[in-house]
């Protein structure tokens, strides 16, 4: 068992190198992942920021930046889905089937490469945030913990992206369903507090994993956040809620993705 796990991990690292190598030949994907965060900061920080007040006072851009970190994290699932659907549609899985590669290594390669791309996007977002005035205020340990939660959630969601990419027929189908990710990020506390929402929408927002992660980042960064007394459990305890959501996503989608890949590669 240990030997098989070591074999799968080694093959997975090799396939991470394959995915990263594709970025050198098609740098447009990497450039897009770097430009997108900068556009988010400019669009939401300056266009919307002038019209939105933070409850209890505070700088809106400091309130906004944790939400944008999470938005970039969650929308990463779109890139993973497209990469996997493209490989599946172009017959790349047939080539993997003919090679002595552990079956679980291929999904590991996809998700590992997504984490590396996510680090580039997050770094760009941090630079943009610092330029517009965002600062973490709770010290190095809390700041690293926040980025650790972002990375964990991105990794969990990348497995969901692998599963979706394998079950859709081709990259065109994947491209059509990708806009569905945006409502998940919008129906949350990413841009505005949940207190002013209608009751039914507020319930959806407060139990949205995106909201828990945003609240956890605001808490760890020491950025402005609503201090209501009637918050739902995920917003009252955002750090354990984010850890729980991440574990649930991994427990659900890791076996689903591996099983879907095995069916595809038969």
Protein backbone atom coordinates (compact mmCIF):
# COMPACT_ATOMS: atom_id res chain seq x y z
CA UNK A 1 0.00 0.00 0.00
CA UNK A 2 2.80 2.43 0.92
CA UNK A 3 4.62 1.61 -2.32
CA UNK A 4 1.49 2.30 -4.37
CA UNK A 5 0.94 5.65 -2.65
CA UNK A 6 4.56 6.61 -3.22
CA UNK A 7 4.25 5.62 -6.89
CA UNK A 8 1.04 7.64 -7.31
CA UNK A 9 2.59 10.68 -5.62
CA UNK A 10 5.73 10.52 -7.79
CA UNK A 11 3.64 10.19 -10.96
CA UNK A 12 1.45 13.05 -9.76
CA UNK A 13 4.46 15.35 -9.39
CA UNK A 14 5.56 14.43 -12.91
CA UNK A 15 2.15 15.35 -14.26
CA UNK A 16 2.19 18.64 -12.34
CA UNK A 17 5.37 19.39 -14.30
CA UNK A 18 3.51 18.53 -17.50
CA UNK A 19 0.72 21.01 -16.73
CA UNK A 20 3.16 23.75 -15.75
CA UNK A 21 5.12 23.08 -18.94
CA UNK A 22 1.96 23.82 -20.93
CA UNK A 23 1.98 27.33 -19.48
CA UNK A 24 5.34 28.02 -21.14
CA UNK A 25 3.91 27.06 -24.51
CA UNK A 26 0.56 28.80 -23.91
CA UNK A 27 1.32 31.73 -21.60
CA UNK A 28 -2.06 33.30 -22.26
CA UNK A 29 -3.61 31.20 -19.48
CA UNK A 30 -1.06 32.45 -16.96
CA UNK A 31 -1.34 36.05 -18.14
CA UNK A 32 -5.11 35.86 -17.78
CA UNK A 33 -4.81 34.51 -14.23
CA UNK A 34 -2.57 37.47 -13.37
CA UNK A 35 -4.64 40.20 -15.06
CA UNK A 36 -7.99 39.03 -13.70
CA UNK A 37 -7.15 39.85 -10.03
CA UNK A 38 -5.92 43.33 -10.96
CA UNK A 39 -9.14 44.04 -12.86
CA UNK A 40 -11.22 42.89 -9.89
CA UNK A 41 -9.42 45.30 -7.56
CA UNK A 42 -9.85 48.21 -9.93
CA UNK A 43 -13.47 47.48 -10.82
CA UNK A 44 -14.89 46.67 -7.39
CA UNK A 45 -12.50 48.72 -5.28
CA UNK A 46 -12.96 51.98 -7.12
CA UNK A 47 -16.18 51.72 -9.12
CA UNK A 48 -18.35 50.12 -6.42
CA UNK A 49 -16.28 51.27 -3.47
CA UNK A 50 -17.31 54.88 -3.87
CA UNK A 51 -20.98 53.96 -3.36
CA UNK A 52 -20.76 51.38 -0.54
CA UNK A 53 -20.23 52.14 3.16
CA UNK A 54 -18.77 49.58 5.56
CA UNK A 55 -20.99 48.90 8.59
CA UNK A 56 -19.36 50.41 11.64
CA UNK A 57 -16.98 52.47 9.50
CA UNK A 58 -13.69 51.53 7.92
CA UNK A 59 -12.05 51.50 4.52
CA UNK A 60 -14.17 49.65 1.94
CA UNK A 61 -11.12 48.40 0.05
CA UNK A 62 -9.84 46.78 3.24
CA UNK A 63 -13.28 45.22 3.67
CA UNK A 64 -13.31 44.15 0.02
CA UNK A 65 -9.86 42.57 -0.39
CA UNK A 66 -10.55 39.36 1.60
CA UNK A 67 -13.65 38.88 -0.56
CA UNK A 68 -11.60 39.29 -3.73
CA UNK A 69 -9.00 36.81 -2.45
CA UNK A 70 -11.83 34.32 -2.02
CA UNK A 71 -13.40 35.15 -5.38
CA UNK A 72 -10.13 34.37 -7.17
CA UNK A 73 -9.84 31.17 -5.13
CA UNK A 74 -13.34 29.95 -5.97
CA UNK A 75 -13.31 30.91 -9.66
CA UNK A 76 -10.15 28.81 -10.04
CA UNK A 77 -12.50 25.85 -10.38
CA UNK A 78 -13.38 27.14 -13.86
CA UNK A 79 -9.79 26.87 -15.09
CA UNK A 80 -9.43 23.34 -13.72
CA UNK A 81 -12.69 22.22 -15.31
CA UNK A 82 -11.63 23.62 -18.68
CA UNK A 83 -8.18 21.99 -18.55
CA UNK A 84 -9.62 18.59 -17.66
CA UNK A 85 -12.45 18.82 -20.21
CA UNK A 86 -9.94 19.81 -22.90
CA UNK A 87 -7.68 16.85 -22.12
CA UNK A 88 -10.64 14.50 -22.09
CA UNK A 89 -12.06 15.86 -25.35
CA UNK A 90 -8.74 15.69 -27.22
CA UNK A 91 -7.97 12.09 -26.34
CA UNK A 92 -5.16 12.83 -23.88
CA UNK A 93 -6.67 10.35 -21.43
CA UNK A 94 -6.19 7.57 -23.98
CA UNK A 95 -2.48 8.34 -24.01
CA UNK A 96 -2.34 8.24 -20.22
CA UNK A 97 -4.09 4.87 -20.33
CA UNK A 98 -1.30 3.46 -22.50
CA UNK A 99 1.39 4.65 -20.08
CA UNK A 100 2.50 3.01 -16.81
CA UNK A 101 0.94 5.78 -14.72
CA UNK A 102 -1.00 5.31 -11.49
CA UNK A 103 -4.67 6.05 -12.09
CA UNK A 104 -4.93 8.47 -9.15
CA UNK A 105 -1.80 10.34 -10.30
CA UNK A 106 -3.51 12.10 -13.20
CA UNK A 107 -6.10 13.91 -11.02
CA UNK A 108 -3.28 14.69 -8.58
CA UNK A 109 -1.37 16.31 -11.44
CA UNK A 110 -4.34 18.47 -12.43
CA UNK A 111 -5.05 19.63 -8.88
CA UNK A 112 -1.38 20.19 -8.04
CA UNK A 113 -0.90 22.39 -11.10
CA UNK A 114 -4.00 24.39 -10.15
CA UNK A 115 -2.48 25.15 -6.74
CA UNK A 116 0.65 26.56 -8.40
CA UNK A 117 -1.44 28.75 -10.71
CA UNK A 118 -3.47 29.85 -7.70
CA UNK A 119 -0.32 30.97 -5.90
CA UNK A 120 0.54 33.23 -8.84
CA UNK A 121 -2.97 34.73 -8.83
CA UNK A 122 -2.94 35.25 -5.08
CA UNK A 123 0.46 36.94 -5.21
CA UNK A 124 -0.83 39.32 -7.88
CA UNK A 125 -3.89 40.07 -5.77
CA UNK A 126 -1.73 40.77 -2.71
CA UNK A 127 0.40 43.24 -4.68
CA UNK A 128 -2.71 44.98 -6.04
CA UNK A 129 -4.24 45.10 -2.56
CA UNK A 130 -1.13 46.64 -1.03
CA UNK A 131 -1.09 49.27 -3.78
CA UNK A 132 -4.70 50.34 -3.08
CA UNK A 133 -4.22 50.48 0.69
CA UNK A 134 -5.13 47.02 1.99
CA UNK A 135 -3.09 45.78 4.95
CA UNK A 136 -3.20 42.70 7.19
CA UNK A 137 -3.21 43.87 10.82
CA UNK A 138 -3.00 40.71 12.95
CA UNK A 139 0.61 39.68 12.42
CA UNK A 140 2.46 37.14 10.30
CA UNK A 141 0.98 33.97 11.84
CA UNK A 142 -2.63 35.04 11.33
CA UNK A 143 -1.87 36.27 7.80
CA UNK A 144 -0.27 32.95 6.86
CA UNK A 145 -3.23 31.11 8.40
CA UNK A 146 -5.60 33.09 6.17
CA UNK A 147 -3.64 32.24 3.04
CA UNK A 148 -3.48 28.63 4.23
CA UNK A 149 -7.29 28.52 4.38
CA UNK A 150 -7.48 30.02 0.88
CA UNK A 151 -5.08 27.37 -0.43
CA UNK A 152 -6.95 24.55 1.29
CA UNK A 153 -10.28 25.67 -0.15
CA UNK A 154 -8.80 26.10 -3.61
CA UNK A 155 -7.37 22.58 -3.45
CA UNK A 156 -10.73 21.15 -2.36
CA UNK A 157 -12.52 23.00 -5.15
CA UNK A 158 -9.94 21.87 -7.72
CA UNK A 159 -11.11 18.30 -7.13
CA UNK A 160 -14.65 19.46 -7.86
CA UNK A 161 -13.27 20.99 -11.07
CA UNK A 162 -11.62 17.70 -12.03
CA UNK A 163 -14.89 15.85 -11.51
CA UNK A 164 -16.89 18.37 -13.55
CA UNK A 165 -14.31 18.35 -16.34
CA UNK A 166 -14.54 14.57 -16.57
CA UNK A 167 -18.33 14.31 -16.58
CA UNK A 168 -19.00 16.98 -19.23
CA UNK A 169 -18.60 15.89 -22.81
CA UNK A 170 -16.08 18.43 -24.07
CA UNK A 171 -14.56 21.86 -23.49
CA UNK A 172 -17.46 23.63 -25.25
CA UNK A 173 -19.92 22.19 -22.72
CA UNK A 174 -17.58 23.12 -19.87
CA UNK A 175 -17.36 26.66 -21.18
CA UNK A 176 -21.16 26.98 -21.14
CA UNK A 177 -21.58 25.88 -17.52
CA UNK A 178 -18.72 27.94 -16.10
CA UNK A 179 -20.74 31.17 -15.65
CA UNK A 180 -22.75 29.28 -13.00
CA UNK A 181 -19.79 29.74 -10.64
CA UNK A 182 -20.28 33.51 -10.42
CA UNK A 183 -23.66 33.43 -8.63
CA UNK A 184 -22.00 31.31 -5.92
CA UNK A 185 -19.46 34.07 -5.29
CA UNK A 186 -22.00 36.88 -5.56
CA UNK A 187 -24.65 35.43 -3.20
CA UNK A 188 -22.35 35.85 -0.22
CA UNK A 189 -20.73 38.49 1.95
CA UNK A 190 -17.97 39.05 -0.61
CA UNK A 191 -18.99 42.60 -1.56
CA UNK A 192 -21.67 43.63 0.94
CA UNK A 193 -22.76 42.48 4.41
CA UNK A 194 -25.57 39.94 4.57
CA UNK A 195 -27.64 41.91 7.10
CA UNK A 196 -29.46 43.97 4.46
CA UNK A 197 -30.50 41.00 2.33
CA UNK A 198 -34.02 39.49 2.27
CA UNK A 199 -34.38 36.71 4.84
CA UNK A 200 -34.28 33.83 2.34
CA UNK A 201 -31.27 35.27 0.49
CA UNK A 202 -29.48 36.04 3.74
CA UNK A 203 -29.85 32.42 4.83
CA UNK A 204 -28.36 31.19 1.54
CA UNK A 205 -25.53 33.70 1.83
CA UNK A 206 -24.63 32.92 5.42
CA UNK A 207 -24.49 29.17 4.79
CA UNK A 208 -22.54 29.61 1.56
CA UNK A 209 -18.96 28.23 2.01
CA UNK A 210 -17.74 31.37 0.24
CA UNK A 211 -19.12 33.54 3.05
CA UNK A 212 -17.42 31.46 5.73
CA UNK A 213 -14.06 31.74 3.98
CA UNK A 214 -14.46 35.50 3.45
CA UNK A 215 -15.37 36.01 7.12
CA UNK A 216 -12.42 33.85 8.21
CA UNK A 217 -10.01 35.91 6.10
CA UNK A 218 -11.39 39.19 7.42
CA UNK A 219 -10.98 37.92 10.96
CA UNK A 220 -7.43 36.67 10.44
CA UNK A 221 -6.32 39.74 8.47
CA UNK A 222 -7.94 42.08 10.99
CA UNK A 223 -9.94 43.82 8.26
CA UNK A 224 -13.39 45.41 8.83
CA UNK A 225 -16.21 42.93 9.31
CA UNK A 226 -19.80 43.12 10.56
CA UNK A 227 -20.15 42.41 14.26
CA UNK A 228 -23.78 41.28 14.39
CA UNK A 229 -25.08 39.15 17.24
CA UNK A 230 -27.56 37.11 15.19
CA UNK A 231 -25.15 35.67 12.63
CA UNK A 232 -25.55 32.09 11.44
CA UNK A 233 -23.06 29.56 12.81
CA UNK A 234 -20.67 29.64 9.79
CA UNK A 235 -20.23 33.42 10.11
CA UNK A 236 -20.05 33.36 13.90
CA UNK A 237 -17.33 30.66 13.72
CA UNK A 238 -15.84 31.17 10.25
CA UNK A 239 -12.47 29.43 10.71
CA UNK A 240 -13.83 26.04 11.87
CA UNK A 241 -16.66 26.40 9.33
CA UNK A 242 -14.15 26.87 6.50
CA UNK A 243 -12.11 23.88 7.64
CA UNK A 244 -15.28 21.79 7.81
CA UNK A 245 -16.45 22.86 4.34
CA UNK A 246 -13.02 22.09 2.87
CA UNK A 247 -12.95 18.61 4.40
CA UNK A 248 -16.50 17.91 3.21
CA UNK A 249 -15.61 18.96 -0.35
CA UNK A 250 -12.50 16.76 -0.32
CA UNK A 251 -14.38 13.77 1.08
CA UNK A 252 -17.04 14.12 -1.62
CA UNK A 253 -15.05 15.04 -4.71
CA UNK A 254 -11.74 13.18 -4.35
CA UNK A 255 -13.36 9.72 -4.70
CA UNK A 256 -15.83 11.02 -7.30
CA UNK A 257 -13.02 12.49 -9.42
CA UNK A 258 -10.83 9.38 -9.18
CA UNK A 259 -13.80 7.14 -10.03
CA UNK A 260 -14.78 9.35 -12.98
CA UNK A 261 -11.23 9.25 -14.29
CA UNK A 262 -11.07 5.49 -14.02
CA UNK A 263 -14.30 5.17 -15.99
CA UNK A 264 -13.00 7.56 -18.65
CA UNK A 265 -9.67 5.77 -18.98
CA UNK A 266 -11.06 2.26 -19.44
